[in-house]
C-alpha atoms as a PDB file:
ATOM      1  CA  MET A   1      -4.734 255.421  44.154  1.00  0.00           C
ATOM      2  CA  LYS A   2      -2.766 258.481  43.133  1.00  0.00           C
ATOM      3  CA  ILE A   3      -1.108 261.281  45.006  1.00  0.00           C
ATOM      4  CA  ASN A   4       0.385 264.495  43.651  1.00  0.00           C
ATOM      5  CA  LYS A   5       4.147 264.475  44.092  1.00  0.00           C
ATOM      6  CA  SER A   6       4.416 268.030  42.785  1.00  0.00           C
ATOM      7  CA  LEU A   7       2.575 269.446  45.815  1.00  0.00           C
ATOM      8  CA  SER A   8       4.436 270.885  48.796  1.00  0.00           C
ATOM      9  CA  ILE A   9       2.335 268.674  51.089  1.00  0.00           C
ATOM     10  CA  PRO A  10       4.485 265.757  52.333  1.00  0.00           C
ATOM     11  CA  LEU A  11       3.666 262.436  50.684  1.00  0.00           C
ATOM     12  CA  TYR A  12       2.893 260.684  53.967  1.00  0.00           C
ATOM     13  CA  GLN A  13       0.298 263.359  54.789  1.00  0.00           C
ATOM     14  CA  GLN A  14      -1.397 262.838  51.428  1.00  0.00           C
ATOM     15  CA  VAL A  15      -1.485 259.093  52.044  1.00  0.00           C
ATOM     16  CA  LYS A  16      -2.763 259.651  55.572  1.00  0.00           C
ATOM     17  CA  LYS A  17      -5.567 261.917  54.333  1.00  0.00           C
ATOM     18  CA  TYR A  18      -6.629 259.360  51.740  1.00  0.00           C
ATOM     19  CA  LEU A  19      -6.727 256.530  54.287  1.00  0.00           C
ATOM     20  CA  GLU A  20      -8.525 258.708  56.826  1.00  0.00           C
ATOM     21  CA  GLU A  21     -11.212 259.565  54.246  1.00  0.00           C
ATOM     22  CA  LYS A  22     -11.726 255.864  53.540  1.00  0.00           C
ATOM     23  CA  ILE A  23     -12.438 255.393  57.246  1.00  0.00           C
ATOM     24  CA  SER A  24     -14.509 258.562  57.765  1.00  0.00           C
ATOM     25  CA  LEU A  25     -16.734 257.827  54.752  1.00  0.00           C
ATOM     26  CA  LYS A  26     -17.270 254.261  56.039  1.00  0.00           C
ATOM     27  CA  GLU A  27     -15.752 252.754  52.894  1.00  0.00           C
ATOM     28  CA  TRP A  28     -13.601 250.858  55.369  1.00  0.00           C
ATOM     29  CA  GLU A  29     -15.776 249.697  58.245  1.00  0.00           C
ATOM     30  CA  ALA A  30     -14.611 248.859  61.757  1.00  0.00           C
ATOM     31  CA  GLY A  31     -12.566 245.670  61.695  1.00  0.00           C
ATOM     32  CA  HIS A  32     -11.523 246.101  58.052  1.00  0.00           C
ATOM     33  CA  ARG A  33      -7.979 244.857  57.496  1.00  0.00           C
ATOM     34  CA  LEU A  34      -5.806 247.221  55.458  1.00  0.00           C
ATOM     35  CA  PRO A  35      -3.630 246.008  52.596  1.00  0.00           C
ATOM     36  CA  THR A  36      -0.035 245.346  53.651  1.00  0.00           C
ATOM     37  CA  GLU A  37       2.417 248.242  53.744  1.00  0.00           C
ATOM     38  CA  LYS A  38       4.141 246.791  50.689  1.00  0.00           C
ATOM     39  CA  GLU A  39       0.841 246.602  48.802  1.00  0.00           C
ATOM     40  CA  LEU A  40      -0.081 250.171  49.755  1.00  0.00           C
ATOM     41  CA  ALA A  41       3.371 251.421  48.734  1.00  0.00           C
ATOM     42  CA  SER A  42       2.874 249.829  45.326  1.00  0.00           C
ATOM     43  CA  GLN A  43      -0.637 251.258  44.942  1.00  0.00           C
ATOM     44  CA  PHE A  44       0.501 254.782  45.858  1.00  0.00           C
ATOM     45  CA  SER A  45       3.879 254.491  44.071  1.00  0.00           C
ATOM     46  CA  VAL A  46       5.716 255.612  47.220  1.00  0.00           C
ATOM     47  CA  SER A  47       8.194 254.011  49.607  1.00  0.00           C
ATOM     48  CA  THR A  48       7.131 251.736  52.450  1.00  0.00           C
ATOM     49  CA  ILE A  49       8.666 254.315  54.819  1.00  0.00           C
ATOM     50  CA  THR A  50       6.046 256.825  53.634  1.00  0.00           C
ATOM     51  CA  ILE A  51       3.273 254.284  54.250  1.00  0.00           C
ATOM     52  CA  LYS A  52       4.665 253.384  57.690  1.00  0.00           C
ATOM     53  CA  ARG A  53       4.645 257.027  58.761  1.00  0.00           C
ATOM     54  CA  ALA A  54       1.064 257.601  57.568  1.00  0.00           C
ATOM     55  CA  ILE A  55      -0.171 254.464  59.324  1.00  0.00           C
ATOM     56  CA  HIS A  56       1.809 255.284  62.472  1.00  0.00           C
ATOM     57  CA  ASP A  57       0.019 258.642  62.728  1.00  0.00           C
ATOM     58  CA  LEU A  58      -3.396 257.040  62.235  1.00  0.00           C
ATOM     59  CA  VAL A  59      -2.619 254.445  64.901  1.00  0.00           C
ATOM     60  CA  ASP A  60      -1.552 257.224  67.281  1.00  0.00           C
ATOM     61  CA  GLU A  61      -4.805 259.072  66.594  1.00  0.00           C
ATOM     62  CA  GLY A  62      -6.860 255.939  67.191  1.00  0.00           C
ATOM     63  CA  PHE A  63      -8.192 255.371  63.674  1.00  0.00           C
ATOM     64  CA  LEU A  64      -6.210 252.167  63.212  1.00  0.00           C
ATOM     65  CA  TYR A  65      -4.715 249.482  65.443  1.00  0.00           C
ATOM     66  CA  ARG A  66      -2.132 246.797  64.820  1.00  0.00           C
ATOM     67  CA  GLN A  67      -2.292 243.130  65.730  1.00  0.00           C
ATOM     68  CA  SER A  68       1.041 241.366  65.741  1.00  0.00           C
ATOM     69  CA  GLY A  69       1.219 238.810  62.926  1.00  0.00           C
ATOM     70  CA  LYS A  70      -2.255 239.691  61.637  1.00  0.00           C
ATOM     71  CA  GLY A  71      -2.054 243.193  60.192  1.00  0.00           C
ATOM     72  CA  THR A  72      -3.508 246.668  60.627  1.00  0.00           C
ATOM     73  CA  PHE A  73      -7.235 247.170  61.199  1.00  0.00           C
ATOM     74  CA  VAL A  74      -9.803 249.968  61.378  1.00  0.00           C
ATOM     75  CA  THR A  75     -10.894 250.606  64.950  1.00  0.00           C
ATOM     76  CA  ASP A  76     -14.434 250.686  66.217  1.00  0.00           C
ATOM     77  CA  LYS A  77     -13.855 254.108  67.737  1.00  0.00           C
ATOM     78  CA  LYS A  78     -15.979 254.793  70.788  1.00  0.00           C
ATOM     79  CA  GLU A  79     -15.778 258.131  72.515  1.00  0.00           C
ATOM     80  CA  GLN A  80     -14.972 257.978  76.217  1.00  0.00           C
ATOM     81  CA  ASN A  81     -14.993 260.856  78.650  1.00  0.00           C
ATOM     82  CA  ILE A  82     -11.741 260.634  80.591  1.00  0.00           C
ATOM     83  CA  SER A  83     -13.392 262.000  83.727  1.00  0.00           C
ATOM     84  CA  ARG A  84     -15.848 259.086  83.640  1.00  0.00           C
ATOM     85  CA  LEU A  85     -13.219 256.466  82.848  1.00  0.00           C
ATOM     86  CA  VAL A  86     -11.109 257.439  85.842  1.00  0.00           C
ATOM     87  CA  SER A  87     -14.259 258.301  87.743  1.00  0.00           C
ATOM     88  CA  LEU A  88     -13.997 260.799  90.553  1.00  0.00           C
ATOM     89  CA  ARG A  89     -17.303 260.447  92.358  1.00  0.00           C
ATOM     90  CA  ASN A  90     -20.915 259.525  91.746  1.00  0.00           C
ATOM     91  CA  GLU A  91     -23.314 262.081  90.404  1.00  0.00           C
ATOM     92  CA  ALA A  92     -27.016 261.723  91.132  1.00  0.00           C
ATOM     93  CA  TRP A  93     -27.740 260.446  87.634  1.00  0.00           C
ATOM     94  CA  GLU A  94     -24.845 257.985  87.463  1.00  0.00           C
ATOM     95  CA  ASP A  95     -24.873 254.230  87.718  1.00  0.00           C
ATOM     96  CA  HIS A  96     -23.334 253.520  91.127  1.00  0.00           C
ATOM     97  CA  ASN A  97     -21.725 250.317  89.939  1.00  0.00           C
ATOM     98  CA  HIS A  98     -17.959 250.694  89.460  1.00  0.00           C
ATOM     99  CA  PRO A  99     -16.562 247.260  88.617  1.00  0.00           C
ATOM    100  CA  HIS A 100     -12.939 246.737  89.598  1.00  0.00           C
ATOM    101  CA  ARG A 101     -10.826 243.684  90.272  1.00  0.00           C
ATOM    102  CA  THR A 102      -8.283 244.136  93.057  1.00  0.00           C
ATOM    103  CA  LEU A 103      -4.894 242.647  92.181  1.00  0.00           C
ATOM    104  CA  SER A 104      -3.078 243.638  95.360  1.00  0.00           C
ATOM    105  CA  PHE A 105      -3.668 245.680  98.513  1.00  0.00           C
ATOM    106  CA  ASN A 106      -0.736 246.320 100.861  1.00  0.00           C
ATOM    107  CA  LYS A 107       0.532 248.642 103.550  1.00  0.00           C
ATOM    108  CA  GLU A 108       4.199 249.588 103.252  1.00  0.00           C
ATOM    109  CA  LYS A 109       6.668 252.350 104.045  1.00  0.00           C
ATOM    110  CA  ALA A 110       6.631 255.078 101.415  1.00  0.00           C
ATOM    111  CA  SER A 111       9.419 254.798  98.853  1.00  0.00           C
ATOM    112  CA  LYS A 112      11.540 257.847  98.108  1.00  0.00           C
ATOM    113  CA  LYS A 113       9.493 258.589  94.972  1.00  0.00           C
ATOM    114  CA  ILE A 114       6.092 258.095  96.604  1.00  0.00           C
ATOM    115  CA  SER A 115       7.069 260.098  99.694  1.00  0.00           C
ATOM    116  CA  LYS A 116       7.853 263.066  97.442  1.00  0.00           C
ATOM    117  CA  LEU A 117       4.629 262.674  95.445  1.00  0.00           C
ATOM    118  CA  LEU A 118       2.475 262.499  98.583  1.00  0.00           C
ATOM    119  CA  GLY A 119       4.488 264.976 100.622  1.00  0.00           C
ATOM    120  CA  VAL A 120       5.144 262.510 103.455  1.00  0.00           C
ATOM    121  CA  SER A 121       8.269 261.094 105.068  1.00  0.00           C
ATOM    122  CA  GLU A 122       9.815 257.832 103.893  1.00  0.00           C
ATOM    123  CA  LYS A 123       9.020 256.375 107.315  1.00  0.00           C
ATOM    124  CA  GLN A 124       5.289 256.907 106.898  1.00  0.00           C
ATOM    125  CA  GLU A 125       3.076 253.997 105.858  1.00  0.00           C
ATOM    126  CA  VAL A 126       0.961 254.196 102.730  1.00  0.00           C
ATOM    127  CA  TYR A 127      -1.632 251.944 101.146  1.00  0.00           C
ATOM    128  CA  LYS A 128      -0.416 250.561  97.825  1.00  0.00           C
ATOM    129  CA  ILE A 129      -3.329 249.444  95.673  1.00  0.00           C
ATOM    130  CA  ASN A 130      -3.269 247.777  92.278  1.00  0.00           C
ATOM    131  CA  ARG A 131      -6.620 247.280  90.537  1.00  0.00           C
ATOM    132  CA  ILE A 132      -8.084 246.586  87.118  1.00  0.00           C
ATOM    133  CA  LYS A 133     -11.025 248.708  85.972  1.00  0.00           C
ATOM    134  CA  LEU A 134     -13.596 246.723  84.016  1.00  0.00           C
ATOM    135  CA  GLN A 135     -16.235 247.642  81.472  1.00  0.00           C
ATOM    136  CA  GLU A 136     -18.651 244.920  80.413  1.00  0.00           C
ATOM    137  CA  ASP A 137     -16.325 242.434  82.154  1.00  0.00           C
ATOM    138  CA  LYS A 138     -13.399 243.510  79.961  1.00  0.00           C
ATOM    139  CA  PRO A 139     -10.222 245.177  81.298  1.00  0.00           C
ATOM    140  CA  VAL A 140      -9.916 248.819  80.231  1.00  0.00           C
ATOM    141  CA  ALA A 141      -7.415 250.280  82.699  1.00  0.00           C
ATOM    142  CA  ILE A 142      -4.776 249.374  85.258  1.00  0.00           C
ATOM    143  CA  GLU A 143      -4.890 251.499  88.388  1.00  0.00           C
ATOM    144  CA  TYR A 144      -2.032 252.046  90.839  1.00  0.00           C
ATOM    145  CA  SER A 145      -2.984 254.114  93.894  1.00  0.00           C
ATOM    146  CA  PHE A 146      -0.997 255.305  96.904  1.00  0.00           C
ATOM    147  CA  ILE A 147      -2.751 256.765  99.952  1.00  0.00           C
ATOM    148  CA  PRO A 148      -1.252 257.889 103.305  1.00  0.00           C
ATOM    149  CA  THR A 149      -2.600 255.579 106.021  1.00  0.00           C
ATOM    150  CA  SER A 150      -2.756 258.531 108.424  1.00  0.00           C
ATOM    151  CA  LEU A 151      -5.497 260.195 106.357  1.00  0.00           C
ATOM    152  CA  VAL A 152      -7.672 257.111 105.863  1.00  0.00           C
ATOM    153  CA  PRO A 153      -6.986 254.700 108.769  1.00  0.00           C
ATOM    154  CA  ASP A 154      -8.277 251.116 108.841  1.00  0.00           C
ATOM    155  CA  LEU A 155      -8.877 250.895 105.088  1.00  0.00           C
ATOM    156  CA  ASN A 156      -8.975 247.303 103.852  1.00  0.00           C
ATOM    157  CA  SER A 157      -9.275 245.505 100.529  1.00  0.00           C
ATOM    158  CA  SER A 158     -13.004 244.797 100.912  1.00  0.00           C
ATOM    159  CA  ASP A 159     -13.699 248.554 101.209  1.00  0.00           C
ATOM    160  CA  ILE A 160     -12.386 249.256  97.710  1.00  0.00           C
ATOM    161  CA  GLU A 161     -14.098 246.352  95.954  1.00  0.00           C
ATOM    162  CA  ASN A 162     -16.118 247.911  93.103  1.00  0.00           C
ATOM    163  CA  GLU A 163     -15.911 251.296  94.786  1.00  0.00           C
ATOM    164  CA  LEU A 164     -14.421 254.662  93.883  1.00  0.00           C
ATOM    165  CA  LEU A 165     -11.700 256.023  96.150  1.00  0.00           C
ATOM    166  CA  TYR A 166     -13.325 259.460  96.217  1.00  0.00           C
ATOM    167  CA  ASN A 167     -16.574 257.974  97.512  1.00  0.00           C
ATOM    168  CA  LEU A 168     -14.658 256.359 100.366  1.00  0.00           C
ATOM    169  CA  PHE A 169     -12.774 259.555 101.197  1.00  0.00           C
ATOM    170  CA  GLU A 170     -15.932 261.638 101.410  1.00  0.00           C
ATOM    171  CA  GLU A 171     -18.613 259.220 102.626  1.00  0.00           C
ATOM    172  CA  ARG A 172     -16.676 257.022 105.061  1.00  0.00           C
ATOM    173  CA  TYR A 173     -13.872 259.313 106.215  1.00  0.00           C
ATOM    174  CA  HIS A 174     -15.699 262.627 105.719  1.00  0.00           C
ATOM    175  CA  VAL A 175     -12.655 264.201 104.079  1.00  0.00           C
ATOM    176  CA  LYS A 176     -13.299 267.452 102.228  1.00  0.00           C
ATOM    177  CA  LEU A 177     -11.643 267.302  98.824  1.00  0.00           C
ATOM    178  CA  GLU A 178     -10.551 270.498  97.139  1.00  0.00           C
ATOM    179  CA  ARG A 179      -9.131 269.632  93.713  1.00  0.00           C
ATOM    180  CA  ALA A 180      -7.380 267.071  91.570  1.00  0.00           C
ATOM    181  CA  LYS A 181      -4.551 267.626  89.123  1.00  0.00           C
ATOM    182  CA  VAL A 182      -4.170 265.217  86.199  1.00  0.00           C
ATOM    183  CA  TYR A 183      -1.167 264.717  83.905  1.00  0.00           C
ATOM    184  CA  PHE A 184      -1.320 262.945  80.540  1.00  0.00           C
ATOM    185  CA  ASN A 185       1.270 260.768  78.824  1.00  0.00           C
ATOM    186  CA  THR A 186       1.676 257.630  76.704  1.00  0.00           C
ATOM    187  CA  ILE A 187       3.776 254.478  77.073  1.00  0.00           C
ATOM    188  CA  LEU A 188       4.319 251.233  75.185  1.00  0.00           C
ATOM    189  CA  ALA A 189       2.866 248.137  76.845  1.00  0.00           C
ATOM    190  CA  ASP A 190       5.354 245.889  78.628  1.00  0.00           C
ATOM    191  CA  GLU A 191       4.624 242.196  79.158  1.00  0.00           C
ATOM    192  CA  TYR A 192       2.727 242.734  82.424  1.00  0.00           C
ATOM    193  CA  GLU A 193       0.508 245.484  81.005  1.00  0.00           C
ATOM    194  CA  ALA A 194      -0.074 243.635  77.732  1.00  0.00           C
ATOM    195  CA  ASN A 195      -1.263 240.537  79.617  1.00  0.00           C
ATOM    196  CA  LEU A 196      -3.575 242.442  81.957  1.00  0.00           C
ATOM    197  CA  LEU A 197      -5.150 244.619  79.278  1.00  0.00           C
ATOM    198  CA  GLN A 198      -5.161 241.876  76.639  1.00  0.00           C
ATOM    199  CA  VAL A 199      -3.255 243.927  74.063  1.00  0.00           C
ATOM    200  CA  PRO A 200      -0.141 243.140  71.998  1.00  0.00           C
ATOM    201  CA  LEU A 201       3.284 243.700  73.548  1.00  0.00           C
ATOM    202  CA  GLY A 202       4.471 247.200  72.595  1.00  0.00           C
ATOM    203  CA  GLU A 203       0.935 248.547  72.065  1.00  0.00           C
ATOM    204  CA  GLN A 204       0.625 252.264  72.780  1.00  0.00           C
ATOM    205  CA  LEU A 205      -1.211 252.944  76.038  1.00  0.00           C
ATOM    206  CA  PHE A 206      -2.619 256.158  77.476  1.00  0.00           C
ATOM    207  CA  VAL A 207      -1.393 257.186  80.955  1.00  0.00           C
ATOM    208  CA  LEU A 208      -3.081 259.509  83.457  1.00  0.00           C
ATOM    209  CA  GLU A 209      -1.426 260.532  86.723  1.00  0.00           C
ATOM    210  CA  ARG A 210      -3.772 262.045  89.302  1.00  0.00           C
ATOM    211  CA  TYR A 211      -2.976 263.965  92.490  1.00  0.00           C
ATOM    212  CA  THR A 212      -5.847 264.753  94.852  1.00  0.00           C
ATOM    213  CA  LEU A 213      -5.691 267.480  97.483  1.00  0.00           C
ATOM    214  CA  THR A 214      -7.910 267.979 100.506  1.00  0.00           C
ATOM    215  CA  GLU A 215      -9.159 271.338 101.722  1.00  0.00           C
ATOM    216  CA  ALA A 216      -6.340 271.115 104.288  1.00  0.00           C
ATOM    217  CA  LYS A 217      -3.876 270.973 101.328  1.00  0.00           C
ATOM    218  CA  ASP A 218      -2.811 267.384 102.049  1.00  0.00           C
ATOM    219  CA  VAL A 219      -2.198 265.073  99.103  1.00  0.00           C
ATOM    220  CA  ILE A 220      -4.619 262.280  99.972  1.00  0.00           C
ATOM    221  CA  GLU A 221      -3.988 260.213  96.869  1.00  0.00           C
ATOM    222  CA  TYR A 222      -1.624 259.701  93.975  1.00  0.00           C
ATOM    223  CA  SER A 223      -2.949 257.384  91.264  1.00  0.00           C
ATOM    224  CA  ARG A 224      -1.562 256.232  87.943  1.00  0.00           C
ATOM    225  CA  PHE A 225      -4.018 254.914  85.373  1.00  0.00           C
ATOM    226  CA  ILE A 226      -2.833 252.967  82.320  1.00  0.00           C
ATOM    227  CA  LEU A 227      -5.577 252.833  79.689  1.00  0.00           C
ATOM    228  CA  LYS A 228      -5.942 250.776  76.546  1.00  0.00           C
ATOM    229  CA  GLN A 229      -6.813 252.959  73.588  1.00  0.00           C
ATOM    230  CA  ASP A 230      -7.083 250.596  70.648  1.00  0.00           C
ATOM    231  CA  GLN A 231     -10.808 251.179  70.243  1.00  0.00           C
ATOM    232  CA  SER A 232     -11.411 254.459  72.041  1.00  0.00           C
ATOM    233  CA  ARG A 233     -11.199 258.154  71.398  1.00  0.00           C
ATOM    234  CA  TYR A 234     -10.869 260.028  74.658  1.00  0.00           C
ATOM    235  CA  PHE A 235     -12.263 263.485  75.357  1.00  0.00           C
ATOM    236  CA  LEU A 236     -12.624 265.792  78.336  1.00  0.00           C
ATOM    237  CA  GLU A 237     -15.859 267.719  78.699  1.00  0.00           C
ATOM    238  CA  VAL A 238     -15.649 270.967  80.651  1.00  0.00           C
ATOM    239  CA  PRO A 239     -18.870 272.504  82.080  1.00  0.00           C
ATOM    240  CA  LEU A 240     -19.220 276.225  81.302  1.00  0.00           C
END
């Protein structure tokens, strides 16, 4: 393994390109464990800092993932449409099964933060919902949702079991939804998130924050989705 130190291209980018080609050309299959950073540094005749930076970028981009105490591995990258993962509503052709496991369902007074996000007073009650989204019986996302009780009265935990919130809003409460706004971010898994999603502590997770507005311009829902991304490559498809 050789890189050209006379080029203006940073060394870590040359290392990254080499490793990425190994993965793209299937020379390293999914599940392949990479040599240690020390071994790679020796093979490339560069510092371990250079190797760390190249691997860090490939982990961020989803080509590799780390397992504490075991090493760095090639991911089995599956593409996932974000709009399907945090599903909005059923389409005619969709499977109507939406497996979730409810962790908690409570009614409480809106906190200062939530009251601002939903545009309600701190005295108003909201539903606070914590669920796990499942795929093939495996946890893929943690969902936190806050909904003003005034807009969807008499909601209970059995209503949301394996059901999408948007389906409930439209089919049970006949609320006309206008649009949703979604923000993207990343975080490192804390102990709670690592346990629920079955990932190592400190693993990078993908975060979506969704605000949904009705035709009357009320914020009917604020949800925060924390997604594992060790084996997924997310995309957003936009109809034209």
